[in-house]
Amino acid sequence: MNCVSKDICIVIVCDNHFAVMLAVLIKSIEVNHTSNEGIHIYIVDDGINARNKLKIINSINQEKIKLTWLPINEIIPKDIAFPLDKTTFPLNIYIRLFIPHFLPQACVKAIYLDVDMVVKKDISLLWNTNINGKTIAGVVDRSEKVSSTWAGITNYKELGLHPDTKYFNSGLLVIDLNKWRQTTLSLDILKCIHKNQKFADFPDQYGLNVIFANQWFELDHRWNTFATMTEKDPYIIHFIGRKPIYSSYVNNNSYAADFFQYMKLTKWADYRLKTEYDHLFSKLRIHSTKILKRVLRKP
């Protein structure tokens, strides 16, 4: 798992259900990367089967992209209990909080990307962005402020936050790994989520925004353009909500066309869209897993 310090270091977390989206994301990074830096992608593997791993590997130019597979059970710190919230977000959302600890020490910076993204700009431009000494950088979320009634921080007053405090989306992060490693941030964020679980509708995002309130660098919004938007020049498209792999996708159709353009370059070129039943089954599986873990955790 050697990391060359000049390589662009990217972390993506994925389960088997979204293997096709992982392939598309990596392909889009590869196609649009024109600078001389190498790209090393660390895939946190949450149960991707052997067949899909091989398809992902065979979808990319291995001279341009190096992949390292990290089995999720091997990188979760011992004695760490993830909050068993009642959302349908998978527990792997918390992995981003431990990136500085499971990546090689030679990696001093990393880009975290949600798997439901497509990159349309050379990722080196994001990699080389000066984040002005901050530990993390991100893009303002749709809710914009912590006081937003949707996906904000509903108990911001109790936490002593000004209502105009900006609120970022956790789907894209640039992280100064060395700065993070000098702190207890990972545990601090988890403790915050545990303590305020009833307010944390977007758990990892909630914790990050509370702990990093007014202490993060704001990136150009085009680096995390939501599929509900109509931005003409998105750098990264983020397919929040329904994904383009479902027949029930309802967001920006031109962004979906971008997704399928890259998909045609992968081993999923003949992919058949998933139905709404597939989507509901996936959510039910995640929710059921959390219920079971809550039951097993009780004394």
Protein backbone atom coordinates (compact mmCIF):
# COMPACT_ATOMS: atom_id res chain seq x y z
CA MET A 1 0.00 0.00 0.00
CA ASN A 2 2.87 2.35 -0.81
CA CYS A 3 1.94 5.96 -1.37
CA VAL A 4 4.17 8.24 -3.43
CA SER A 5 4.03 11.66 -1.80
CA LYS A 6 3.48 13.47 -5.11
CA ASP A 7 0.56 11.24 -6.09
CA ILE A 8 -2.98 12.54 -5.96
CA CYS A 9 -4.52 10.53 -3.12
CA ILE A 10 -8.27 9.83 -3.35
CA VAL A 11 -10.48 7.84 -0.99
CA ILE A 12 -13.84 6.32 -2.01
CA VAL A 13 -16.09 4.06 0.05
CA CYS A 14 -18.33 1.60 -1.80
CA ASP A 15 -20.53 -1.46 -1.30
CA ASN A 16 -21.52 -4.00 -3.93
CA HIS A 17 -24.80 -2.26 -4.73
CA PHE A 18 -22.99 0.80 -6.11
CA ALA A 19 -20.09 -0.98 -7.83
CA VAL A 20 -21.20 0.40 -11.20
CA MET A 21 -21.14 3.95 -9.82
CA LEU A 22 -17.63 3.38 -8.48
CA ALA A 23 -16.47 2.29 -11.94
CA VAL A 24 -18.05 5.37 -13.54
CA LEU A 25 -16.53 7.73 -10.98
CA ILE A 26 -13.03 6.32 -11.43
CA LYS A 27 -13.37 6.37 -15.22
CA SER A 28 -14.44 10.03 -15.15
CA ILE A 29 -11.39 10.88 -13.02
CA GLU A 30 -9.12 9.03 -15.45
CA VAL A 31 -10.57 10.56 -18.63
CA ASN A 32 -10.31 14.15 -17.40
CA HIS A 33 -6.88 13.93 -15.75
CA THR A 34 -4.25 15.55 -17.99
CA SER A 35 -1.51 16.69 -15.60
CA ASN A 36 1.59 14.69 -14.74
CA GLU A 37 0.70 13.59 -11.21
CA GLY A 38 -0.04 9.95 -10.60
CA ILE A 39 -3.42 9.07 -9.12
CA HIS A 40 -3.72 6.59 -6.27
CA ILE A 41 -7.28 5.66 -5.33
CA TYR A 42 -7.91 3.89 -2.03
CA ILE A 43 -11.20 1.99 -2.21
CA VAL A 44 -12.76 1.14 1.13
CA ASP A 45 -14.41 -2.14 0.19
CA ASP A 46 -17.72 -2.71 1.96
CA GLY A 47 -18.51 -6.10 0.43
CA ILE A 48 -17.83 -5.65 -3.29
CA ASN A 49 -17.83 -9.12 -4.82
CA ALA A 50 -14.93 -10.55 -6.83
CA ARG A 51 -16.76 -10.31 -10.15
CA ASN A 52 -17.45 -6.59 -9.75
CA LYS A 53 -13.92 -5.89 -8.51
CA LEU A 54 -12.55 -7.47 -11.68
CA LYS A 55 -14.93 -5.42 -13.82
CA ILE A 56 -13.79 -2.24 -12.09
CA ILE A 57 -10.11 -3.12 -12.56
CA ASN A 58 -10.67 -3.94 -16.24
CA SER A 59 -12.57 -0.68 -16.76
CA ILE A 60 -9.60 1.57 -16.08
CA ASN A 61 -6.22 2.38 -17.54
CA GLN A 62 -3.93 0.97 -14.86
CA GLU A 63 -1.02 3.05 -16.14
CA LYS A 64 -2.91 6.20 -15.10
CA ILE A 65 -4.79 4.95 -12.03
CA LYS A 66 -3.46 2.85 -9.16
CA LEU A 67 -6.05 1.11 -6.99
CA THR A 68 -5.62 -0.12 -3.42
CA TRP A 69 -8.46 -2.13 -1.90
CA LEU A 70 -9.02 -1.70 1.83
CA PRO A 71 -11.48 -4.21 3.36
CA ILE A 72 -13.71 -2.14 5.62
CA ASN A 73 -13.45 -4.52 8.59
CA GLU A 74 -9.67 -4.18 8.59
CA ILE A 75 -9.54 -0.40 8.88
CA ILE A 76 -12.22 0.29 11.49
CA PRO A 77 -10.41 1.04 14.76
CA LYS A 78 -11.02 -1.44 17.57
CA ASP A 79 -13.52 -0.44 20.25
CA ILE A 80 -15.16 2.13 17.97
CA ALA A 81 -18.96 2.11 18.08
CA PHE A 82 -20.60 3.90 15.19
CA PRO A 83 -23.89 5.64 16.04
CA LEU A 84 -26.79 3.34 15.11
CA ASP A 85 -29.06 6.14 13.92
CA LYS A 86 -32.49 5.58 12.40
CA THR A 87 -31.63 6.91 8.96
CA THR A 88 -31.18 4.75 5.86
CA PHE A 89 -27.59 5.89 5.40
CA PRO A 90 -25.15 2.93 5.54
CA LEU A 91 -22.75 2.73 8.45
CA ASN A 92 -19.86 3.15 6.01
CA ILE A 93 -20.57 6.92 5.95
CA TYR A 94 -18.48 7.14 9.14
CA ILE A 95 -15.36 5.78 7.43
CA ARG A 96 -14.47 9.24 6.10
CA LEU A 97 -13.84 10.31 9.71
CA PHE A 98 -10.88 7.90 9.95
CA ILE A 99 -9.15 8.57 6.62
CA PRO A 100 -6.09 10.22 8.25
CA HIS A 101 -5.55 7.13 10.39
CA PHE A 102 -5.82 4.30 7.88
CA LEU A 103 -3.96 5.89 4.97
CA PRO A 104 -0.16 5.48 4.87
CA GLN A 105 1.75 8.10 6.83
CA ALA A 106 3.46 9.11 3.58
CA CYS A 107 0.11 10.50 2.41
CA VAL A 108 -0.09 14.04 3.72
CA LYS A 109 -3.25 15.12 1.88
CA ALA A 110 -6.31 13.32 0.54
CA ILE A 111 -9.47 13.97 -1.41
CA TYR A 112 -12.57 12.14 -0.21
CA LEU A 113 -15.34 11.58 -2.79
CA ASP A 114 -18.79 10.08 -2.32
CA VAL A 115 -19.26 7.21 -4.75
CA ASP A 116 -22.32 8.84 -6.39
CA MET A 117 -20.25 11.40 -8.26
CA VAL A 118 -18.85 12.10 -11.72
CA VAL A 119 -15.73 14.23 -12.17
CA LYS A 120 -15.70 16.51 -15.23
CA LYS A 121 -12.60 18.59 -14.47
CA ASP A 122 -8.97 17.56 -14.02
CA ILE A 123 -8.88 16.44 -10.39
CA SER A 124 -5.37 17.90 -10.10
CA LEU A 125 -6.93 21.38 -10.05
CA LEU A 126 -8.76 20.46 -6.85
CA TRP A 127 -5.69 18.67 -5.48
CA ASN A 128 -3.53 21.77 -5.95
CA THR A 129 -6.03 24.20 -4.43
CA ASN A 130 -4.53 26.12 -1.52
CA ILE A 131 -6.85 25.60 1.48
CA ASN A 132 -5.09 28.30 3.49
CA GLY A 133 -3.84 26.19 6.37
CA LYS A 134 -7.24 24.69 7.20
CA THR A 135 -7.58 21.03 8.14
CA ILE A 136 -10.43 20.41 5.71
CA ALA A 137 -12.07 22.06 2.72
CA GLY A 138 -15.52 21.53 1.28
CA VAL A 139 -18.43 23.07 -0.61
CA VAL A 140 -21.44 24.81 0.92
CA ASP A 141 -24.44 22.48 1.03
CA ARG A 142 -27.89 23.25 -0.38
CA SER A 143 -28.98 24.23 3.12
CA GLU A 144 -26.13 26.80 3.15
CA LYS A 145 -26.40 27.72 6.84
CA VAL A 146 -26.63 25.76 10.10
CA SER A 147 -29.98 27.45 10.78
CA SER A 148 -31.59 25.89 7.71
CA THR A 149 -34.75 23.96 8.54
CA TRP A 150 -33.67 21.31 6.03
CA ALA A 151 -30.45 19.38 6.68
CA GLY A 152 -29.01 22.06 8.90
CA ILE A 153 -28.15 21.86 12.61
CA THR A 154 -31.49 22.27 14.34
CA ASN A 155 -29.93 22.66 17.78
CA TYR A 156 -27.39 25.25 16.62
CA LYS A 157 -28.44 27.70 19.35
CA GLU A 158 -27.76 25.17 22.10
CA LEU A 159 -24.35 24.54 20.56
CA GLY A 160 -23.55 28.25 20.54
CA LEU A 161 -23.44 28.59 16.75
CA HIS A 162 -24.46 31.80 14.97
CA PRO A 163 -27.44 31.19 12.64
CA ASP A 164 -25.43 32.43 9.63
CA THR A 165 -22.62 29.90 10.19
CA LYS A 166 -22.00 28.22 6.85
CA TYR A 167 -22.80 24.53 6.46
CA PHE A 168 -20.87 22.26 4.09
CA ASN A 169 -21.68 19.01 2.32
CA SER A 170 -19.55 16.07 3.46
CA GLY A 171 -19.65 14.29 0.07
CA LEU A 172 -16.45 15.99 -1.04
CA LEU A 173 -13.63 16.83 1.33
CA VAL A 174 -10.02 17.88 0.89
CA ILE A 175 -8.16 16.86 4.04
CA ASP A 176 -4.78 17.93 5.41
CA LEU A 177 -3.95 14.54 6.91
CA ASN A 178 -1.03 15.67 9.05
CA LYS A 179 -3.04 18.44 10.71
CA TRP A 180 -5.85 15.99 11.46
CA ARG A 181 -3.44 13.36 12.82
CA GLN A 182 -2.22 15.80 15.46
CA THR A 183 -5.71 15.95 17.00
CA THR A 184 -8.50 13.78 18.43
CA LEU A 185 -10.92 14.97 15.75
CA SER A 186 -12.17 11.52 14.71
CA LEU A 187 -13.30 10.69 18.25
CA ASP A 188 -14.55 14.23 18.88
CA ILE A 189 -16.85 14.06 15.85
CA LEU A 190 -18.20 10.64 16.80
CA LYS A 191 -18.85 11.79 20.38
CA CYS A 192 -20.69 14.81 19.02
CA ILE A 193 -22.93 12.60 16.85
CA HIS A 194 -23.60 10.17 19.71
CA LYS A 195 -24.53 13.02 22.06
CA ASN A 196 -26.78 14.80 19.55
CA GLN A 197 -28.11 11.81 17.65
CA LYS A 198 -31.73 12.96 17.60
CA PHE A 199 -30.69 16.14 15.78
CA ALA A 200 -28.31 14.44 13.33
CA ASP A 201 -30.47 13.66 10.30
CA PHE A 202 -27.29 13.57 8.17
CA PRO A 203 -25.05 12.09 10.87
CA ASP A 204 -21.47 12.37 9.61
CA GLN A 205 -22.23 15.74 8.02
CA TYR A 206 -23.77 17.00 11.24
CA GLY A 207 -20.72 16.03 13.31
CA LEU A 208 -18.25 17.50 10.85
CA ASN A 209 -20.12 20.80 10.68
CA VAL A 210 -20.40 21.13 14.45
CA ILE A 211 -16.75 20.37 15.12
CA PHE A 212 -15.42 22.37 12.16
CA ALA A 213 -17.84 25.30 12.47
CA ASN A 214 -16.12 28.39 10.99
CA GLN A 215 -12.89 26.38 10.73
CA TRP A 216 -13.04 24.99 7.17
CA PHE A 217 -12.01 26.31 3.76
CA GLU A 218 -14.80 26.99 1.27
CA LEU A 219 -14.19 25.61 -2.24
CA ASP A 220 -15.79 26.75 -5.49
CA HIS A 221 -19.34 25.35 -5.48
CA ARG A 222 -18.72 23.68 -8.85
CA TRP A 223 -16.55 21.07 -7.12
CA ASN A 224 -19.73 19.61 -5.61
CA THR A 225 -22.60 20.40 -7.97
CA PHE A 226 -25.78 18.63 -6.92
CA ALA A 227 -27.77 16.81 -9.60
CA THR A 228 -30.80 18.92 -8.64
CA MET A 229 -29.01 22.02 -9.98
CA THR A 230 -28.60 23.49 -13.46
CA GLU A 231 -24.97 24.66 -13.24
CA LYS A 232 -23.66 24.86 -16.83
CA ASP A 233 -20.03 24.12 -15.97
CA PRO A 234 -19.96 21.61 -13.08
CA TYR A 235 -16.54 20.36 -12.05
CA ILE A 236 -18.01 17.44 -10.11
CA ILE A 237 -21.61 16.25 -10.34
CA HIS A 238 -23.03 14.80 -7.14
CA PHE A 239 -26.05 12.55 -7.66
CA ILE A 240 -27.76 13.18 -4.34
CA GLY A 241 -31.17 11.57 -3.95
CA ARG A 242 -32.15 9.15 -6.66
CA LYS A 243 -29.15 7.90 -8.67
CA PRO A 244 -29.05 7.67 -12.49
CA ILE A 245 -28.70 3.86 -12.22
CA TYR A 246 -32.42 3.82 -11.30
CA SER A 247 -35.26 4.11 -13.79
CA SER A 248 -36.90 6.50 -11.29
CA TYR A 249 -34.12 9.13 -11.57
CA VAL A 250 -35.77 12.58 -11.73
CA ASN A 251 -32.96 15.15 -11.56
CA ASN A 252 -30.98 17.05 -14.24
CA ASN A 253 -31.09 14.89 -17.38
CA SER A 254 -27.97 16.44 -18.91
CA TYR A 255 -26.03 15.34 -15.82
CA ALA A 256 -27.42 11.82 -16.20
CA ALA A 257 -26.24 11.89 -19.83
CA ASP A 258 -22.73 12.70 -18.55
CA PHE A 259 -22.94 9.70 -16.22
CA PHE A 260 -23.95 7.33 -19.02
CA GLN A 261 -21.22 8.72 -21.28
CA TYR A 262 -18.59 7.52 -18.82
CA MET A 263 -20.45 4.30 -18.07
CA LYS A 264 -20.18 3.34 -21.75
CA LEU A 265 -16.39 3.39 -21.28
CA THR A 266 -16.55 0.78 -18.50
CA LYS A 267 -17.38 -2.92 -18.34
CA TRP A 268 -20.94 -1.87 -17.51
CA ALA A 269 -21.59 -0.54 -21.01
CA ASP A 270 -24.66 -2.77 -21.36
CA TYR A 271 -26.02 -1.96 -17.90
CA ARG A 272 -29.76 -2.24 -17.34
CA LEU A 273 -31.33 0.36 -15.04
CA LYS A 274 -32.42 -0.77 -11.61
CA THR A 275 -36.10 -0.53 -10.69
CA GLU A 276 -37.67 1.36 -7.81
CA TYR A 277 -38.05 -1.98 -6.05
CA ASP A 278 -34.25 -2.36 -6.14
CA HIS A 279 -33.91 1.04 -4.51
CA LEU A 280 -36.44 0.26 -1.79
CA PHE A 281 -34.85 -3.13 -1.11
CA SER A 282 -31.45 -1.49 -0.70
CA LYS A 283 -32.83 1.02 1.82
CA LEU A 284 -34.67 -1.75 3.68
CA ARG A 285 -31.48 -3.83 3.88
CA ILE A 286 -29.53 -0.92 5.38
CA HIS A 287 -32.26 -0.08 7.87
CA SER A 288 -32.68 -3.72 8.92
CA THR A 289 -28.94 -4.07 9.49
CA LYS A 290 -28.98 -1.09 11.85
CA ILE A 291 -31.96 -2.45 13.76
CA LEU A 292 -30.19 -5.80 14.20
CA LYS A 293 -27.00 -4.12 15.40
CA ARG A 294 -28.97 -2.01 17.90
CA VAL A 295 -30.59 -5.15 19.27
CA LEU A 296 -27.28 -6.98 19.54
CA ARG A 297 -25.64 -4.02 21.25
CA LYS A 298 -28.19 -3.93 24.08
CA PRO A 299 -26.93 -5.55 27.32
